[in-house]
């Protein structure tokens, strides 16, 4: 099985609802997110790729136009802004474009990751 991945970055704010008032994530705050999309295939295409990385630039455009420097609660709804929900959102978006997508990982901090696999 061949596996490729590519990372994209964006900055955004959010506020996690339903947490205790003294929880830091209950307050409005922001992150420098990393989105990593992974694609897998048992065979390579005619040019020797799982998929040409340039084709994945559509994800950068989607992120830049809809997520970068935005408030995620306004885009995804108040109950859909955790890293886990973001991973699923980007997985679904990417999978609709590229059937080889096997996972999406989201990082909010250098030491934390959430991943969704179909």
PDB file of N, CA and C in Angstrom:
ATOM      1  N   UNK A   1       0.847  -1.180   0.000  1.00  0.00           N
ATOM      2  CA  UNK A   1       0.000   0.000   0.000  1.00  0.00           C
ATOM      3  C   UNK A   1       0.887   1.235   0.000  1.00  0.00           C
ATOM      4  N   UNK A   2       0.622   2.151  -0.910  1.00  0.00           N
ATOM      5  CA  UNK A   2       1.327   3.422  -0.974  1.00  0.00           C
ATOM      6  C   UNK A   2       0.544   4.458  -0.177  1.00  0.00           C
ATOM      7  N   UNK A   3       1.257   5.289   0.550  1.00  0.00           N
ATOM      8  CA  UNK A   3       0.633   6.346   1.347  1.00  0.00           C
ATOM      9  C   UNK A   3       1.358   7.656   1.091  1.00  0.00           C
ATOM     10  N   UNK A   4       0.584   8.699   0.827  1.00  0.00           N
ATOM     11  CA  UNK A   4       1.133  10.048   0.732  1.00  0.00           C
ATOM     12  C   UNK A   4       0.329  10.947   1.666  1.00  0.00           C
ATOM     13  N   UNK A   5       0.911  12.072   2.035  1.00  0.00           N
ATOM     14  CA  UNK A   5       0.171  13.045   2.839  1.00  0.00           C
ATOM     15  C   UNK A   5       0.692  14.435   2.534  1.00  0.00           C
ATOM     16  N   UNK A   6      -0.134  15.401   2.838  1.00  0.00           N
ATOM     17  CA  UNK A   6       0.241  16.804   2.640  1.00  0.00           C
ATOM     18  C   UNK A   6      -0.408  17.623   3.747  1.00  0.00           C
ATOM     19  N   UNK A   7       0.309  18.635   4.212  1.00  0.00           N
ATOM     20  CA  UNK A   7      -0.184  19.491   5.293  1.00  0.00           C
ATOM     21  C   UNK A   7      -0.555  20.871   4.780  1.00  0.00           C
ATOM     22  N   UNK A   8      -1.557  21.436   5.446  1.00  0.00           N
ATOM     23  CA  UNK A   8      -2.014  22.795   5.182  1.00  0.00           C
ATOM     24  C   UNK A   8      -2.181  23.495   6.529  1.00  0.00           C
ATOM     25  N   UNK A   9      -2.023  24.803   6.546  1.00  0.00           N
ATOM     26  CA  UNK A   9      -2.074  25.569   7.791  1.00  0.00           C
ATOM     27  C   UNK A   9      -3.113  26.680   7.674  1.00  0.00           C
ATOM     28  N   UNK A  10      -3.768  26.942   8.805  1.00  0.00           N
ATOM     29  CA  UNK A  10      -4.643  28.102   8.883  1.00  0.00           C
ATOM     30  C   UNK A  10      -4.773  28.528  10.333  1.00  0.00           C
ATOM     31  N   UNK A  11      -5.171  29.760  10.535  1.00  0.00           N
ATOM     32  CA  UNK A  11      -5.400  30.313  11.868  1.00  0.00           C
ATOM     33  C   UNK A  11      -6.874  30.645  11.993  1.00  0.00           C
ATOM     34  N   UNK A  12      -7.449  30.304  13.142  1.00  0.00           N
ATOM     35  CA  UNK A  12      -8.873  30.568  13.360  1.00  0.00           C
ATOM     36  C   UNK A  12      -9.165  30.580  14.853  1.00  0.00           C
ATOM     37  N   UNK A  13     -10.295  31.189  15.184  1.00  0.00           N
ATOM     38  CA  UNK A  13     -10.751  31.201  16.574  1.00  0.00           C
ATOM     39  C   UNK A  13     -11.938  30.258  16.724  1.00  0.00           C
ATOM     40  N   UNK A  14     -12.186  29.864  17.961  1.00  0.00           N
ATOM     41  CA  UNK A  14     -13.402  29.119  18.289  1.00  0.00           C
ATOM     42  C   UNK A  14     -13.629  29.201  19.785  1.00  0.00           C
ATOM     43  N   UNK A  15     -14.772  28.727  20.189  1.00  0.00           N
ATOM     44  CA  UNK A  15     -15.140  28.664  21.599  1.00  0.00           C
ATOM     45  C   UNK A  15     -15.903  27.366  21.780  1.00  0.00           C
ATOM     46  N   UNK A  16     -15.427  26.531  22.700  1.00  0.00           N
ATOM     47  CA  UNK A  16     -16.080  25.246  22.933  1.00  0.00           C
ATOM     48  C   UNK A  16     -17.190  25.422  23.958  1.00  0.00           C
ATOM     49  N   UNK A  17     -18.381  25.091  23.539  1.00  0.00           N
ATOM     50  CA  UNK A  17     -19.558  25.253  24.392  1.00  0.00           C
ATOM     51  C   UNK A  17     -19.757  24.005  25.261  1.00  0.00           C
ATOM     52  N   UNK A  18     -20.445  24.179  26.371  1.00  0.00           N
ATOM     53  CA  UNK A  18     -20.784  23.053  27.226  1.00  0.00           C
ATOM     54  C   UNK A  18     -19.709  22.675  28.228  1.00  0.00           C
ATOM     55  N   UNK A  19     -18.627  23.414  28.257  1.00  0.00           N
ATOM     56  CA  UNK A  19     -17.569  23.142  29.228  1.00  0.00           C
ATOM     57  C   UNK A  19     -17.797  23.986  30.477  1.00  0.00           C
ATOM     58  N   UNK A  20     -17.168  23.592  31.561  1.00  0.00           N
ATOM     59  CA  UNK A  20     -17.258  24.370  32.801  1.00  0.00           C
ATOM     60  C   UNK A  20     -16.721  25.772  32.554  1.00  0.00           C
ATOM     61  N   UNK A  21     -17.291  26.738  33.260  1.00  0.00           N
ATOM     62  CA  UNK A  21     -16.888  28.134  33.070  1.00  0.00           C
ATOM     63  C   UNK A  21     -15.392  28.367  33.295  1.00  0.00           C
ATOM     64  N   UNK A  22     -14.776  27.552  34.161  1.00  0.00           N
ATOM     65  CA  UNK A  22     -13.353  27.751  34.448  1.00  0.00           C
ATOM     66  C   UNK A  22     -12.439  26.985  33.487  1.00  0.00           C
ATOM     67  N   UNK A  23     -13.008  26.284  32.522  1.00  0.00           N
ATOM     68  CA  UNK A  23     -12.197  25.571  31.527  1.00  0.00           C
ATOM     69  C   UNK A  23     -11.672  26.591  30.518  1.00  0.00           C
ATOM     70  N   UNK A  24     -10.374  26.603  30.240  1.00  0.00           N
ATOM     71  CA  UNK A  24      -9.826  27.622  29.337  1.00  0.00           C
ATOM     72  C   UNK A  24     -10.426  27.583  27.932  1.00  0.00           C
ATOM     73  N   UNK A  25     -10.852  26.415  27.469  1.00  0.00           N
ATOM     74  CA  UNK A  25     -11.405  26.316  26.112  1.00  0.00           C
ATOM     75  C   UNK A  25     -12.856  26.785  26.031  1.00  0.00           C
ATOM     76  N   UNK A  26     -13.448  27.099  27.174  1.00  0.00           N
ATOM     77  CA  UNK A  26     -14.788  27.676  27.170  1.00  0.00           C
ATOM     78  C   UNK A  26     -14.744  29.146  26.777  1.00  0.00           C
ATOM     79  N   UNK A  27     -13.563  29.739  26.902  1.00  0.00           N
ATOM     80  CA  UNK A  27     -13.384  31.135  26.498  1.00  0.00           C
ATOM     81  C   UNK A  27     -13.051  31.192  25.005  1.00  0.00           C
ATOM     82  N   UNK A  28     -13.342  32.308  24.405  1.00  0.00           N
ATOM     83  CA  UNK A  28     -12.949  32.544  23.022  1.00  0.00           C
ATOM     84  C   UNK A  28     -11.428  32.487  22.927  1.00  0.00           C
ATOM     85  N   UNK A  29     -10.918  31.699  22.001  1.00  0.00           N
ATOM     86  CA  UNK A  29      -9.475  31.560  21.826  1.00  0.00           C
ATOM     87  C   UNK A  29      -9.188  31.109  20.402  1.00  0.00           C
ATOM     88  N   UNK A  30      -7.928  31.066  20.035  1.00  0.00           N
ATOM     89  CA  UNK A  30      -7.574  30.690  18.671  1.00  0.00           C
ATOM     90  C   UNK A  30      -6.424  29.716  18.614  1.00  0.00           C
ATOM     91  N   UNK A  31      -6.243  29.152  17.436  1.00  0.00           N
ATOM     92  CA  UNK A  31      -5.169  28.187  17.192  1.00  0.00           C
ATOM     93  C   UNK A  31      -4.562  28.439  15.818  1.00  0.00           C
ATOM     94  N   UNK A  32      -3.345  27.985  15.668  1.00  0.00           N
ATOM     95  CA  UNK A  32      -2.712  27.863  14.359  1.00  0.00           C
ATOM     96  C   UNK A  32      -2.834  26.388  13.985  1.00  0.00           C
ATOM     97  N   UNK A  33      -3.865  26.089  13.211  1.00  0.00           N
ATOM     98  CA  UNK A  33      -4.206  24.709  12.891  1.00  0.00           C
ATOM     99  C   UNK A  33      -3.306  24.142  11.806  1.00  0.00           C
ATOM    100  N   UNK A  34      -3.096  22.839  11.879  1.00  0.00           N
ATOM    101  CA  UNK A  34      -2.482  22.076  10.794  1.00  0.00           C
ATOM    102  C   UNK A  34      -3.488  21.017  10.373  1.00  0.00           C
ATOM    103  N   UNK A  35      -3.767  20.966   9.085  1.00  0.00           N
ATOM    104  CA  UNK A  35      -4.621  19.941   8.497  1.00  0.00           C
ATOM    105  C   UNK A  35      -3.708  19.042   7.675  1.00  0.00           C
ATOM    106  N   UNK A  36      -3.713  17.759   7.965  1.00  0.00           N
ATOM    107  CA  UNK A  36      -2.911  16.809   7.193  1.00  0.00           C
ATOM    108  C   UNK A  36      -3.850  15.804   6.543  1.00  0.00           C
ATOM    109  N   UNK A  37      -3.825  15.752   5.230  1.00  0.00           N
ATOM    110  CA  UNK A  37      -4.653  14.803   4.491  1.00  0.00           C
ATOM    111  C   UNK A  37      -3.758  13.656   4.029  1.00  0.00           C
ATOM    112  N   UNK A  38      -4.245  12.430   4.234  1.00  0.00           N
ATOM    113  CA  UNK A  38      -3.513  11.222   3.861  1.00  0.00           C
ATOM    114  C   UNK A  38      -4.288  10.486   2.775  1.00  0.00           C
ATOM    115  N   UNK A  39      -3.574  10.018   1.769  1.00  0.00           N
ATOM    116  CA  UNK A  39      -4.180   9.245   0.681  1.00  0.00           C
ATOM    117  C   UNK A  39      -3.426   7.924   0.546  1.00  0.00           C
ATOM    118  N   UNK A  40      -4.159   6.853   0.228  1.00  0.00           N
ATOM    119  CA  UNK A  40      -3.555   5.537   0.074  1.00  0.00           C
ATOM    120  C   UNK A  40      -4.065   4.865  -1.190  1.00  0.00           C
ATOM    121  N   UNK A  41      -3.187   4.062  -1.770  1.00  0.00           N
ATOM    122  CA  UNK A  41      -3.577   3.277  -2.937  1.00  0.00           C
ATOM    123  C   UNK A  41      -2.662   2.063  -3.043  1.00  0.00           C
ATOM    124  N   UNK A  42      -3.235   0.962  -3.490  1.00  0.00           N
ATOM    125  CA  UNK A  42      -2.453  -0.239  -3.715  1.00  0.00           C
ATOM    126  C   UNK A  42      -1.675  -0.193  -5.015  1.00  0.00           C
ATOM    127  N   UNK A  43      -2.019   0.749  -5.880  1.00  0.00           N
ATOM    128  CA  UNK A  43      -1.354   0.871  -7.178  1.00  0.00           C
ATOM    129  C   UNK A  43      -1.097   2.338  -7.474  1.00  0.00           C
ATOM    130  N   UNK A  44      -0.088   2.573  -8.285  1.00  0.00           N
ATOM    131  CA  UNK A  44       0.235   3.935  -8.693  1.00  0.00           C
ATOM    132  C   UNK A  44      -0.380   4.223 -10.058  1.00  0.00           C
ATOM    133  N   UNK A  45      -0.635   5.511 -10.316  1.00  0.00           N
ATOM    134  CA  UNK A  45      -1.197   5.874 -11.620  1.00  0.00           C
ATOM    135  C   UNK A  45      -0.101   5.831 -12.696  1.00  0.00           C
ATOM    136  N   UNK A  46      -0.442   6.221 -13.901  1.00  0.00           N
ATOM    137  CA  UNK A  46       0.478   6.109 -15.045  1.00  0.00           C
ATOM    138  C   UNK A  46       1.756   6.926 -14.869  1.00  0.00           C
ATOM    139  N   UNK A  47       1.707   7.995 -14.066  1.00  0.00           N
ATOM    140  CA  UNK A  47       2.900   8.815 -13.843  1.00  0.00           C
ATOM    141  C   UNK A  47       3.647   8.426 -12.570  1.00  0.00           C
ATOM    142  N   UNK A  48       3.174   7.380 -11.895  1.00  0.00           N
ATOM    143  CA  UNK A  48       3.865   6.896 -10.706  1.00  0.00           C
ATOM    144  C   UNK A  48       3.442   7.534  -9.398  1.00  0.00           C
ATOM    145  N   UNK A  49       2.270   8.148  -9.386  1.00  0.00           N
ATOM    146  CA  UNK A  49       1.752   8.809  -8.181  1.00  0.00           C
ATOM    147  C   UNK A  49       0.563   8.044  -7.596  1.00  0.00           C
ATOM    148  N   UNK A  50       0.361   8.181  -6.286  1.00  0.00           N
ATOM    149  CA  UNK A  50      -0.954   7.876  -5.718  1.00  0.00           C
ATOM    150  C   UNK A  50      -1.917   8.912  -6.275  1.00  0.00           C
ATOM    151  N   UNK A  51      -1.524  10.173  -6.171  1.00  0.00           N
ATOM    152  CA  UNK A  51      -2.226  11.307  -6.771  1.00  0.00           C
ATOM    153  C   UNK A  51      -1.229  12.451  -6.804  1.00  0.00           C
ATOM    154  N   UNK A  52      -1.257  13.240  -7.843  1.00  0.00           N
ATOM    155  CA  UNK A  52      -0.360  14.388  -7.967  1.00  0.00           C
ATOM    156  C   UNK A  52      -0.669  15.372  -6.839  1.00  0.00           C
ATOM    157  N   UNK A  53       0.351  15.769  -6.076  1.00  0.00           N
ATOM    158  CA  UNK A  53       0.151  16.708  -4.970  1.00  0.00           C
ATOM    159  C   UNK A  53      -0.516  18.005  -5.426  1.00  0.00           C
ATOM    160  N   UNK A  54      -0.259  18.402  -6.645  1.00  0.00           N
ATOM    161  CA  UNK A  54      -0.863  19.648  -7.149  1.00  0.00           C
ATOM    162  C   UNK A  54      -2.376  19.574  -7.174  1.00  0.00           C
ATOM    163  N   UNK A  55      -2.932  18.381  -7.364  1.00  0.00           N
ATOM    164  CA  UNK A  55      -4.385  18.238  -7.362  1.00  0.00           C
ATOM    165  C   UNK A  55      -4.978  18.561  -5.988  1.00  0.00           C
ATOM    166  N   UNK A  56      -4.178  18.401  -4.961  1.00  0.00           N
ATOM    167  CA  UNK A  56      -4.658  18.660  -3.606  1.00  0.00           C
ATOM    168  C   UNK A  56      -4.734  20.142  -3.274  1.00  0.00           C
ATOM    169  N   UNK A  57      -4.242  20.992  -4.168  1.00  0.00           N
ATOM    170  CA  UNK A  57      -4.299  22.436  -3.932  1.00  0.00           C
ATOM    171  C   UNK A  57      -5.729  22.947  -3.777  1.00  0.00           C
ATOM    172  N   UNK A  58      -6.696  22.199  -4.245  1.00  0.00           N
ATOM    173  CA  UNK A  58      -8.100  22.587  -4.036  1.00  0.00           C
ATOM    174  C   UNK A  58      -8.421  22.648  -2.545  1.00  0.00           C
ATOM    175  N   UNK A  59      -7.772  21.815  -1.743  1.00  0.00           N
ATOM    176  CA  UNK A  59      -7.989  21.865  -0.296  1.00  0.00           C
ATOM    177  C   UNK A  59      -7.436  23.170   0.266  1.00  0.00           C
ATOM    178  N   UNK A  60      -6.276  23.599  -0.199  1.00  0.00           N
ATOM    179  CA  UNK A  60      -5.727  24.880   0.269  1.00  0.00           C
ATOM    180  C   UNK A  60      -6.675  26.028  -0.059  1.00  0.00           C
ATOM    181  N   UNK A  61      -7.206  26.025  -1.251  1.00  0.00           N
ATOM    182  CA  UNK A  61      -8.157  27.067  -1.647  1.00  0.00           C
ATOM    183  C   UNK A  61      -9.385  27.034  -0.736  1.00  0.00           C
ATOM    184  N   UNK A  62      -9.928  25.839  -0.489  1.00  0.00           N
ATOM    185  CA  UNK A  62     -11.102  25.695   0.383  1.00  0.00           C
ATOM    186  C   UNK A  62     -10.805  26.221   1.789  1.00  0.00           C
ATOM    187  N   UNK A  63      -9.650  25.863   2.327  1.00  0.00           N
ATOM    188  CA  UNK A  63      -9.265  26.325   3.663  1.00  0.00           C
ATOM    189  C   UNK A  63      -9.087  27.842   3.676  1.00  0.00           C
ATOM    190  N   UNK A  64      -8.346  28.367   2.723  1.00  0.00           N
ATOM    191  CA  UNK A  64      -8.074  29.808   2.690  1.00  0.00           C
ATOM    192  C   UNK A  64      -9.354  30.625   2.551  1.00  0.00           C
ATOM    193  N   UNK A  65     -10.280  30.164   1.732  1.00  0.00           N
ATOM    194  CA  UNK A  65     -11.507  30.927   1.479  1.00  0.00           C
ATOM    195  C   UNK A  65     -12.548  30.781   2.580  1.00  0.00           C
ATOM    196  N   UNK A  66     -12.525  29.688   3.335  1.00  0.00           N
ATOM    197  CA  UNK A  66     -13.609  29.421   4.276  1.00  0.00           C
ATOM    198  C   UNK A  66     -13.211  29.329   5.739  1.00  0.00           C
ATOM    199  N   UNK A  67     -11.920  29.119   6.037  1.00  0.00           N
ATOM    200  CA  UNK A  67     -11.524  28.877   7.422  1.00  0.00           C
ATOM    201  C   UNK A  67     -10.443  29.812   7.942  1.00  0.00           C
ATOM    202  N   UNK A  68      -9.528  30.227   7.103  1.00  0.00           N
ATOM    203  CA  UNK A  68      -8.397  31.010   7.583  1.00  0.00           C
ATOM    204  C   UNK A  68      -8.848  32.366   8.119  1.00  0.00           C
ATOM    205  N   UNK A  69      -8.405  32.682   9.334  1.00  0.00           N
ATOM    206  CA  UNK A  69      -8.735  33.927  10.024  1.00  0.00           C
ATOM    207  C   UNK A  69     -10.246  34.131  10.136  1.00  0.00           C
ATOM    208  N   UNK A  70     -10.940  33.062  10.491  1.00  0.00           N
ATOM    209  CA  UNK A  70     -12.393  33.101  10.705  1.00  0.00           C
ATOM    210  C   UNK A  70     -12.697  32.562  12.097  1.00  0.00           C
ATOM    211  N   UNK A  71     -13.955  32.743  12.489  1.00  0.00           N
ATOM    212  CA  UNK A  71     -14.453  32.201  13.760  1.00  0.00           C
ATOM    213  C   UNK A  71     -15.209  30.911  13.431  1.00  0.00           C
ATOM    214  N   UNK A  72     -14.667  29.775  13.846  1.00  0.00           N
ATOM    215  CA  UNK A  72     -15.198  28.473  13.444  1.00  0.00           C
ATOM    216  C   UNK A  72     -16.635  28.240  13.900  1.00  0.00           C
ATOM    217  N   UNK A  73     -17.032  28.814  15.023  1.00  0.00           N
ATOM    218  CA  UNK A  73     -18.411  28.652  15.488  1.00  0.00           C
ATOM    219  C   UNK A  73     -19.399  29.214  14.471  1.00  0.00           C
ATOM    220  N   UNK A  74     -19.014  30.280  13.792  1.00  0.00           N
ATOM    221  CA  UNK A  74     -19.891  30.870  12.777  1.00  0.00           C
ATOM    222  C   UNK A  74     -19.937  30.035  11.498  1.00  0.00           C
ATOM    223  N   UNK A  75     -18.893  29.276  11.234  1.00  0.00           N
ATOM    224  CA  UNK A  75     -18.823  28.470  10.014  1.00  0.00           C
ATOM    225  C   UNK A  75     -19.445  27.096  10.206  1.00  0.00           C
ATOM    226  N   UNK A  76     -19.095  26.437  11.316  1.00  0.00           N
ATOM    227  CA  UNK A  76     -19.482  25.037  11.519  1.00  0.00           C
ATOM    228  C   UNK A  76     -20.596  24.841  12.540  1.00  0.00           C
ATOM    229  N   UNK A  77     -20.922  25.868  13.284  1.00  0.00           N
ATOM    230  CA  UNK A  77     -21.915  25.741  14.353  1.00  0.00           C
ATOM    231  C   UNK A  77     -21.223  25.569  15.692  1.00  0.00           C
ATOM    232  N   UNK A  78     -21.915  25.937  16.745  1.00  0.00           N
ATOM    233  CA  UNK A  78     -21.316  25.937  18.078  1.00  0.00           C
ATOM    234  C   UNK A  78     -20.894  24.561  18.578  1.00  0.00           C
ATOM    235  N   UNK A  79     -21.513  23.500  18.072  1.00  0.00           N
ATOM    236  CA  UNK A  79     -21.195  22.168  18.595  1.00  0.00           C
ATOM    237  C   UNK A  79     -20.283  21.360  17.671  1.00  0.00           C
ATOM    238  N   UNK A  80     -19.659  21.997  16.687  1.00  0.00           N
ATOM    239  CA  UNK A  80     -18.852  21.270  15.695  1.00  0.00           C
ATOM    240  C   UNK A  80     -17.441  21.817  15.533  1.00  0.00           C
ATOM    241  N   UNK A  81     -16.874  22.421  16.572  1.00  0.00           N
ATOM    242  CA  UNK A  81     -15.580  23.079  16.381  1.00  0.00           C
ATOM    243  C   UNK A  81     -14.419  22.379  17.081  1.00  0.00           C
ATOM    244  N   UNK A  82     -14.634  21.191  17.634  1.00  0.00           N
ATOM    245  CA  UNK A  82     -13.517  20.466  18.219  1.00  0.00           C
ATOM    246  C   UNK A  82     -12.601  19.959  17.104  1.00  0.00           C
ATOM    247  N   UNK A  83     -11.397  19.605  17.452  1.00  0.00           N
ATOM    248  CA  UNK A  83     -10.463  19.052  16.465  1.00  0.00           C
ATOM    249  C   UNK A  83     -11.031  17.782  15.842  1.00  0.00           C
ATOM    250  N   UNK A  84     -11.747  16.999  16.639  1.00  0.00           N
ATOM    251  CA  UNK A  84     -12.356  15.768  16.122  1.00  0.00           C
ATOM    252  C   UNK A  84     -13.383  16.083  15.043  1.00  0.00           C
ATOM    253  N   UNK A  85     -14.220  17.068  15.291  1.00  0.00           N
ATOM    254  CA  UNK A  85     -15.220  17.457  14.284  1.00  0.00           C
ATOM    255  C   UNK A  85     -14.557  18.040  13.039  1.00  0.00           C
ATOM    256  N   UNK A  86     -13.506  18.828  13.232  1.00  0.00           N
ATOM    257  CA  UNK A  86     -12.795  19.383  12.085  1.00  0.00           C
ATOM    258  C   UNK A  86     -12.175  18.274  11.239  1.00  0.00           C
ATOM    259  N   UNK A  87     -11.608  17.274  11.884  1.00  0.00           N
ATOM    260  CA  UNK A  87     -11.020  16.157  11.142  1.00  0.00           C
ATOM    261  C   UNK A  87     -12.074  15.472  10.289  1.00  0.00           C
ATOM    262  N   UNK A  88     -13.255  15.235  10.851  1.00  0.00           N
ATOM    263  CA  UNK A  88     -14.328  14.593  10.090  1.00  0.00           C
ATOM    264  C   UNK A  88     -14.803  15.500   8.949  1.00  0.00           C
ATOM    265  N   UNK A  89     -14.948  16.779   9.230  1.00  0.00           N
ATOM    266  CA  UNK A  89     -15.394  17.723   8.202  1.00  0.00           C
ATOM    267  C   UNK A  89     -14.442  17.708   7.003  1.00  0.00           C
ATOM    268  N   UNK A  90     -13.148  17.865   7.272  1.00  0.00           N
ATOM    269  CA  UNK A  90     -12.186  17.901   6.174  1.00  0.00           C
ATOM    270  C   UNK A  90     -12.059  16.538   5.488  1.00  0.00           C
ATOM    271  N   UNK A  91     -12.196  15.455   6.252  1.00  0.00           N
ATOM    272  CA  UNK A  91     -12.188  14.123   5.636  1.00  0.00           C
ATOM    273  C   UNK A  91     -13.322  14.007   4.624  1.00  0.00           C
ATOM    274  N   UNK A  92     -14.529  14.358   5.041  1.00  0.00           N
ATOM    275  CA  UNK A  92     -15.685  14.247   4.143  1.00  0.00           C
ATOM    276  C   UNK A  92     -15.501  15.112   2.900  1.00  0.00           C
ATOM    277  N   UNK A  93     -14.999  16.337   3.089  1.00  0.00           N
ATOM    278  CA  UNK A  93     -14.793  17.233   1.950  1.00  0.00           C
ATOM    279  C   UNK A  93     -13.766  16.636   0.993  1.00  0.00           C
ATOM    280  N   UNK A  94     -12.648  16.180   1.537  1.00  0.00           N
ATOM    281  CA  UNK A  94     -11.576  15.621   0.692  1.00  0.00           C
ATOM    282  C   UNK A  94     -12.008  14.323   0.022  1.00  0.00           C
ATOM    283  N   UNK A  95     -12.679  13.465   0.743  1.00  0.00           N
ATOM    284  CA  UNK A  95     -13.076  12.171   0.187  1.00  0.00           C
ATOM    285  C   UNK A  95     -14.044  12.341  -0.970  1.00  0.00           C
ATOM    286  N   UNK A  96     -14.854  13.403  -0.932  1.00  0.00           N
ATOM    287  CA  UNK A  96     -15.783  13.645  -2.039  1.00  0.00           C
ATOM    288  C   UNK A  96     -15.031  14.023  -3.322  1.00  0.00           C
ATOM    289  N   UNK A  97     -13.791  14.478  -3.178  1.00  0.00           N
ATOM    290  CA  UNK A  97     -12.983  14.881  -4.331  1.00  0.00           C
ATOM    291  C   UNK A  97     -11.993  13.794  -4.765  1.00  0.00           C
ATOM    292  N   UNK A  98     -11.430  13.094  -3.783  1.00  0.00           N
ATOM    293  CA  UNK A  98     -10.361  12.135  -4.044  1.00  0.00           C
ATOM    294  C   UNK A  98     -10.657  10.833  -3.300  1.00  0.00           C
ATOM    295  N   UNK A  99     -11.043   9.786  -3.997  1.00  0.00           N
ATOM    296  CA  UNK A  99     -11.427   8.533  -3.331  1.00  0.00           C
ATOM    297  C   UNK A  99     -10.280   7.851  -2.582  1.00  0.00           C
ATOM    298  N   UNK A 100      -9.031   8.242  -2.857  1.00  0.00           N
ATOM    299  CA  UNK A 100      -7.890   7.639  -2.169  1.00  0.00           C
ATOM    300  C   UNK A 100      -7.690   8.173  -0.749  1.00  0.00           C
ATOM    301  N   UNK A 101      -8.452   9.190  -0.350  1.00  0.00           N
ATOM    302  CA  UNK A 101      -8.283   9.767   0.988  1.00  0.00           C
ATOM    303  C   UNK A 101      -8.592   8.697   2.030  1.00  0.00           C
ATOM    304  N   UNK A 102      -7.632   8.492   2.929  1.00  0.00           N
ATOM    305  CA  UNK A 102      -7.787   7.476   3.970  1.00  0.00           C
ATOM    306  C   UNK A 102      -7.888   8.065   5.370  1.00  0.00           C
ATOM    307  N   UNK A 103      -7.407   9.292   5.558  1.00  0.00           N
ATOM    308  CA  UNK A 103      -7.465   9.911   6.887  1.00  0.00           C
ATOM    309  C   UNK A 103      -7.209  11.400   6.769  1.00  0.00           C
ATOM    310  N   UNK A 104      -7.710  12.121   7.765  1.00  0.00           N
ATOM    311  CA  UNK A 104      -7.365  13.532   7.943  1.00  0.00           C
ATOM    312  C   UNK A 104      -7.026  13.718   9.412  1.00  0.00           C
ATOM    313  N   UNK A 105      -5.909  14.411   9.637  1.00  0.00           N
ATOM    314  CA  UNK A 105      -5.476  14.739  10.998  1.00  0.00           C
ATOM    315  C   UNK A 105      -5.527  16.251  11.169  1.00  0.00           C
ATOM    316  N   UNK A 106      -5.901  16.671  12.376  1.00  0.00           N
ATOM    317  CA  UNK A 106      -5.959  18.096  12.724  1.00  0.00           C
ATOM    318  C   UNK A 106      -5.112  18.316  13.970  1.00  0.00           C
ATOM    319  N   UNK A 107      -4.267  19.328  13.924  1.00  0.00           N
ATOM    320  CA  UNK A 107      -3.498  19.721  15.094  1.00  0.00           C
ATOM    321  C   UNK A 107      -3.894  21.131  15.491  1.00  0.00           C
ATOM    322  N   UNK A 108      -4.154  21.308  16.778  1.00  0.00           N
ATOM    323  CA  UNK A 108      -4.405  22.644  17.326  1.00  0.00           C
ATOM    324  C   UNK A 108      -3.155  23.196  17.999  1.00  0.00           C
ATOM    325  N   UNK A 109      -2.320  22.302  18.481  1.00  0.00           N
ATOM    326  CA  UNK A 109      -1.059  22.674  19.138  1.00  0.00           C
ATOM    327  C   UNK A 109       0.017  21.710  18.656  1.00  0.00           C
ATOM    328  N   UNK A 110       1.277  22.034  18.849  1.00  0.00           N
ATOM    329  CA  UNK A 110       2.342  21.140  18.384  1.00  0.00           C
ATOM    330  C   UNK A 110       2.300  19.733  18.990  1.00  0.00           C
ATOM    331  N   UNK A 111       1.601  19.570  20.118  1.00  0.00           N
ATOM    332  CA  UNK A 111       1.596  18.260  20.775  1.00  0.00           C
ATOM    333  C   UNK A 111       0.259  17.539  20.722  1.00  0.00           C
ATOM    334  N   UNK A 112      -0.731  18.090  20.026  1.00  0.00           N
ATOM    335  CA  UNK A 112      -2.039  17.432  20.015  1.00  0.00           C
ATOM    336  C   UNK A 112      -2.530  17.222  18.584  1.00  0.00           C
ATOM    337  N   UNK A 113      -3.130  16.053  18.360  1.00  0.00           N
ATOM    338  CA  UNK A 113      -3.674  15.693  17.057  1.00  0.00           C
ATOM    339  C   UNK A 113      -4.987  14.963  17.251  1.00  0.00           C
ATOM    340  N   UNK A 114      -5.928  15.192  16.343  1.00  0.00           N
ATOM    341  CA  UNK A 114      -7.157  14.396  16.236  1.00  0.00           C
ATOM    342  C   UNK A 114      -7.183  13.855  14.821  1.00  0.00           C
ATOM    343  N   UNK A 115      -7.648  12.633  14.669  1.00  0.00           N
ATOM    344  CA  UNK A 115      -7.642  11.999  13.362  1.00  0.00           C
ATOM    345  C   UNK A 115      -8.993  11.351  13.089  1.00  0.00           C
ATOM    346  N   UNK A 116      -9.423  11.459  11.829  1.00  0.00           N
ATOM    347  CA  UNK A 116     -10.624  10.730  11.393  1.00  0.00           C
ATOM    348  C   UNK A 116     -10.239   9.866  10.205  1.00  0.00           C
ATOM    349  N   UNK A 117     -10.613   8.599  10.273  1.00  0.00           N
ATOM    350  CA  UNK A 117     -10.408   7.640   9.176  1.00  0.00           C
ATOM    351  C   UNK A 117     -11.770   7.123   8.767  1.00  0.00           C
ATOM    352  N   UNK A 118     -11.977   7.014   7.470  1.00  0.00           N
ATOM    353  CA  UNK A 118     -13.256   6.526   6.965  1.00  0.00           C
ATOM    354  C   UNK A 118     -13.459   5.056   7.198  1.00  0.00           C
TER     355      UNK A 118
END
